[in-house]
N, C-alpha and C. Protein backbone atom coordinates (compact mmCIF):
# COMPACT_ATOMS: atom_id res chain seq x y z
N UNK A 1 0.84 -1.18 0.00
CA UNK A 1 0.00 0.00 0.00
C UNK A 1 0.88 1.25 0.00
N UNK A 2 0.51 2.21 -0.80
CA UNK A 2 1.24 3.46 -0.85
C UNK A 2 0.96 4.27 0.41
N UNK A 3 1.92 5.08 0.79
CA UNK A 3 1.74 5.93 1.96
C UNK A 3 0.74 7.04 1.63
N UNK A 4 -0.17 7.30 2.55
CA UNK A 4 -1.19 8.33 2.35
C UNK A 4 -0.57 9.72 2.51
N UNK A 5 -1.05 10.66 1.72
CA UNK A 5 -0.61 12.05 1.83
C UNK A 5 -1.54 12.85 2.71
N UNK A 6 -2.82 12.46 2.76
CA UNK A 6 -3.84 13.20 3.50
C UNK A 6 -4.60 12.25 4.42
N UNK A 7 -5.15 12.80 5.48
CA UNK A 7 -6.03 12.06 6.38
C UNK A 7 -7.39 12.75 6.36
N UNK A 8 -8.42 11.93 6.32
CA UNK A 8 -9.77 12.49 6.38
C UNK A 8 -10.03 13.03 7.77
N UNK A 9 -10.74 14.16 7.85
CA UNK A 9 -11.08 14.73 9.14
C UNK A 9 -12.06 13.82 9.86
N UNK A 10 -11.96 13.76 11.18
CA UNK A 10 -12.87 12.90 11.94
C UNK A 10 -14.28 13.48 11.99
N UNK A 11 -14.38 14.80 12.07
CA UNK A 11 -15.68 15.46 12.11
C UNK A 11 -15.74 16.48 10.99
N UNK A 12 -16.83 16.50 10.28
CA UNK A 12 -16.98 17.43 9.17
C UNK A 12 -16.35 16.88 7.90
N UNK A 13 -16.25 17.76 6.91
CA UNK A 13 -15.69 17.38 5.62
C UNK A 13 -14.28 17.91 5.51
N UNK A 14 -13.49 17.25 4.72
CA UNK A 14 -12.17 17.77 4.42
C UNK A 14 -11.05 16.78 4.70
N UNK A 15 -9.85 17.24 4.41
CA UNK A 15 -8.65 16.43 4.55
C UNK A 15 -7.58 17.27 5.24
N UNK A 16 -6.64 16.57 5.86
CA UNK A 16 -5.52 17.23 6.51
C UNK A 16 -4.23 16.56 6.02
N UNK A 17 -3.23 17.34 5.59
CA UNK A 17 -2.00 16.72 5.11
C UNK A 17 -1.24 16.04 6.24
N UNK A 18 -0.73 14.83 5.96
CA UNK A 18 0.02 14.09 6.97
C UNK A 18 1.40 13.70 6.48
N UNK A 19 1.71 13.96 5.24
CA UNK A 19 3.03 13.64 4.67
C UNK A 19 3.57 14.87 3.96
N UNK A 20 4.85 14.88 3.68
CA UNK A 20 5.43 16.05 3.04
C UNK A 20 4.82 16.29 1.66
N UNK A 21 4.38 15.23 0.99
CA UNK A 21 3.76 15.40 -0.32
C UNK A 21 2.43 16.14 -0.19
N UNK A 22 1.67 15.84 0.86
CA UNK A 22 0.41 16.54 1.09
C UNK A 22 0.62 18.01 1.41
N UNK A 23 1.65 18.28 2.22
CA UNK A 23 1.96 19.68 2.53
C UNK A 23 2.42 20.41 1.28
N UNK A 24 3.16 19.74 0.41
CA UNK A 24 3.60 20.36 -0.83
C UNK A 24 2.41 20.69 -1.73
N UNK A 25 1.45 19.78 -1.82
CA UNK A 25 0.24 20.04 -2.62
C UNK A 25 -0.52 21.23 -2.04
N UNK A 26 -0.66 21.27 -0.72
CA UNK A 26 -1.37 22.38 -0.08
C UNK A 26 -0.64 23.70 -0.29
N UNK A 27 0.68 23.71 -0.18
CA UNK A 27 1.45 24.93 -0.42
C UNK A 27 1.33 25.38 -1.88
N UNK A 28 1.32 24.42 -2.80
CA UNK A 28 1.12 24.77 -4.20
C UNK A 28 -0.22 25.41 -4.44
N UNK A 29 -1.25 24.90 -3.76
CA UNK A 29 -2.59 25.48 -3.86
C UNK A 29 -2.59 26.92 -3.35
N UNK A 30 -1.98 27.14 -2.18
CA UNK A 30 -1.94 28.48 -1.60
C UNK A 30 -1.12 29.45 -2.43
N UNK A 31 -0.01 28.98 -2.99
CA UNK A 31 0.80 29.83 -3.87
C UNK A 31 0.00 30.16 -5.14
N UNK A 32 -0.73 29.18 -5.66
CA UNK A 32 -1.57 29.43 -6.83
C UNK A 32 -2.63 30.48 -6.56
N UNK A 33 -3.26 30.43 -5.40
CA UNK A 33 -4.26 31.43 -5.04
C UNK A 33 -3.60 32.80 -4.86
N UNK A 34 -2.43 32.82 -4.23
CA UNK A 34 -1.71 34.09 -4.06
C UNK A 34 -1.35 34.72 -5.40
N UNK A 35 -0.85 33.91 -6.32
CA UNK A 35 -0.51 34.40 -7.65
C UNK A 35 -1.76 34.90 -8.38
N UNK A 36 -2.84 34.16 -8.24
CA UNK A 36 -4.10 34.54 -8.88
C UNK A 36 -4.60 35.87 -8.33
N UNK A 37 -4.52 36.06 -7.02
CA UNK A 37 -4.96 37.32 -6.41
C UNK A 37 -4.05 38.47 -6.83
N UNK A 38 -2.75 38.22 -6.90
CA UNK A 38 -1.81 39.25 -7.35
C UNK A 38 -2.13 39.70 -8.77
N UNK A 39 -2.37 38.73 -9.65
CA UNK A 39 -2.70 39.06 -11.04
C UNK A 39 -4.02 39.81 -11.14
N UNK A 40 -4.99 39.43 -10.31
CA UNK A 40 -6.31 40.07 -10.36
C UNK A 40 -6.21 41.52 -9.89
N UNK A 41 -5.39 41.80 -8.90
CA UNK A 41 -5.28 43.15 -8.35
C UNK A 41 -4.41 44.04 -9.22
N UNK A 42 -3.32 43.52 -9.77
CA UNK A 42 -2.37 44.37 -10.48
C UNK A 42 -2.70 44.58 -11.96
N UNK A 43 -3.42 43.68 -12.57
CA UNK A 43 -3.72 43.83 -14.00
C UNK A 43 -4.94 44.74 -14.18
N UNK A 44 -4.98 45.48 -15.26
CA UNK A 44 -6.17 46.30 -15.51
C UNK A 44 -7.40 45.42 -15.75
N UNK A 45 -8.53 45.87 -15.26
CA UNK A 45 -9.76 45.08 -15.34
C UNK A 45 -10.26 45.02 -16.78
N UNK A 46 -10.68 43.84 -17.17
CA UNK A 46 -11.36 43.67 -18.45
C UNK A 46 -12.77 43.18 -18.16
N UNK A 47 -13.56 43.01 -19.18
CA UNK A 47 -14.95 42.63 -18.94
C UNK A 47 -15.11 41.19 -18.47
N UNK A 48 -14.12 40.34 -18.66
CA UNK A 48 -14.23 38.95 -18.20
C UNK A 48 -13.19 38.59 -17.14
N UNK A 49 -12.53 39.58 -16.53
CA UNK A 49 -11.47 39.27 -15.57
C UNK A 49 -12.02 38.63 -14.29
N UNK A 50 -13.19 39.06 -13.83
CA UNK A 50 -13.75 38.47 -12.62
C UNK A 50 -14.18 37.02 -12.85
N UNK A 51 -14.80 36.74 -13.98
CA UNK A 51 -15.20 35.37 -14.26
C UNK A 51 -13.98 34.47 -14.47
N UNK A 52 -12.92 35.00 -15.02
CA UNK A 52 -11.68 34.24 -15.17
C UNK A 52 -11.07 33.95 -13.79
N UNK A 53 -11.13 34.93 -12.89
CA UNK A 53 -10.64 34.75 -11.52
C UNK A 53 -11.42 33.64 -10.81
N UNK A 54 -12.73 33.71 -10.86
CA UNK A 54 -13.58 32.71 -10.19
C UNK A 54 -13.40 31.33 -10.83
N UNK A 55 -13.32 31.27 -12.14
CA UNK A 55 -13.14 30.00 -12.82
C UNK A 55 -11.81 29.34 -12.47
N UNK A 56 -10.75 30.13 -12.42
CA UNK A 56 -9.44 29.59 -12.07
C UNK A 56 -9.40 29.15 -10.61
N UNK A 57 -10.01 29.93 -9.73
CA UNK A 57 -10.09 29.55 -8.32
C UNK A 57 -10.87 28.24 -8.16
N UNK A 58 -11.95 28.09 -8.88
CA UNK A 58 -12.73 26.85 -8.84
C UNK A 58 -11.90 25.67 -9.35
N UNK A 59 -11.17 25.87 -10.43
CA UNK A 59 -10.34 24.81 -11.00
C UNK A 59 -9.23 24.39 -10.02
N UNK A 60 -8.58 25.35 -9.39
CA UNK A 60 -7.55 25.03 -8.39
C UNK A 60 -8.14 24.24 -7.23
N UNK A 61 -9.33 24.64 -6.77
CA UNK A 61 -9.97 23.96 -5.65
C UNK A 61 -10.37 22.53 -6.01
N UNK A 62 -10.92 22.33 -7.19
CA UNK A 62 -11.29 20.99 -7.64
C UNK A 62 -10.06 20.11 -7.75
N UNK A 63 -8.98 20.67 -8.25
CA UNK A 63 -7.73 19.92 -8.37
C UNK A 63 -7.20 19.51 -7.00
N UNK A 64 -7.25 20.41 -6.02
CA UNK A 64 -6.81 20.08 -4.67
C UNK A 64 -7.67 18.98 -4.06
N UNK A 65 -8.98 19.09 -4.21
CA UNK A 65 -9.88 18.08 -3.66
C UNK A 65 -9.66 16.73 -4.33
N UNK A 66 -9.42 16.73 -5.63
CA UNK A 66 -9.20 15.47 -6.36
C UNK A 66 -7.90 14.81 -5.89
N UNK A 67 -6.83 15.57 -5.75
CA UNK A 67 -5.56 14.99 -5.30
C UNK A 67 -5.70 14.49 -3.87
N UNK A 68 -6.34 15.26 -3.01
CA UNK A 68 -6.51 14.84 -1.62
C UNK A 68 -7.38 13.58 -1.53
N UNK A 69 -8.41 13.49 -2.33
CA UNK A 69 -9.28 12.30 -2.32
C UNK A 69 -8.55 11.06 -2.80
N UNK A 70 -7.73 11.21 -3.82
CA UNK A 70 -7.03 10.05 -4.37
C UNK A 70 -5.89 9.57 -3.48
N UNK A 71 -5.33 10.46 -2.66
CA UNK A 71 -4.17 10.09 -1.86
C UNK A 71 -4.47 10.03 -0.37
N UNK A 72 -5.74 10.06 0.02
CA UNK A 72 -6.11 10.03 1.43
C UNK A 72 -6.11 8.61 1.97
N UNK A 73 -6.01 8.51 3.29
CA UNK A 73 -6.09 7.21 3.95
C UNK A 73 -7.46 6.62 3.70
N UNK A 74 -7.52 5.31 3.58
CA UNK A 74 -8.81 4.67 3.45
C UNK A 74 -9.41 4.48 4.84
N UNK A 75 -10.71 4.60 4.93
CA UNK A 75 -11.41 4.44 6.20
C UNK A 75 -11.91 3.02 6.30
N UNK A 76 -11.50 2.34 7.36
CA UNK A 76 -11.98 0.98 7.60
C UNK A 76 -13.28 1.06 8.39
N UNK A 77 -14.12 0.05 8.25
CA UNK A 77 -15.42 0.06 8.91
C UNK A 77 -15.29 0.07 10.43
N UNK A 78 -14.24 -0.56 10.98
CA UNK A 78 -14.08 -0.60 12.43
C UNK A 78 -13.54 0.72 12.97
N UNK A 79 -13.03 1.60 12.11
CA UNK A 79 -12.54 2.91 12.55
C UNK A 79 -13.59 4.00 12.41
N UNK A 80 -14.70 3.71 11.75
CA UNK A 80 -15.71 4.70 11.49
C UNK A 80 -16.59 4.89 12.73
N UNK A 81 -16.59 6.09 13.38
CA UNK A 81 -17.40 6.29 14.57
C UNK A 81 -18.90 6.29 14.28
N UNK A 82 -19.29 6.55 13.04
CA UNK A 82 -20.72 6.60 12.70
C UNK A 82 -21.27 5.21 12.37
N UNK A 83 -20.43 4.19 12.31
CA UNK A 83 -20.87 2.86 11.93
C UNK A 83 -21.59 2.14 13.09
N UNK A 84 -21.47 2.70 14.28
CA UNK A 84 -22.09 2.02 15.44
C UNK A 84 -23.57 2.25 15.50
């Protein structure tokens, strides 16, 4: 079995990085958002700049969720607190 990069949260939705690869993916996501915000603020506004900003932010978020889902620990039935 490959080592997991993310762990599923015990309560609520989401993932938490547990390996250096997971932290690297999360840092890449945050750097991507920072770069996106920098470009949005410094470039002159066009008629589609806001929709491009939102679309790119959505794409980055979907990519992060997909990578975290594919590399997260698997939940066994005996570890699931809601299975009781």
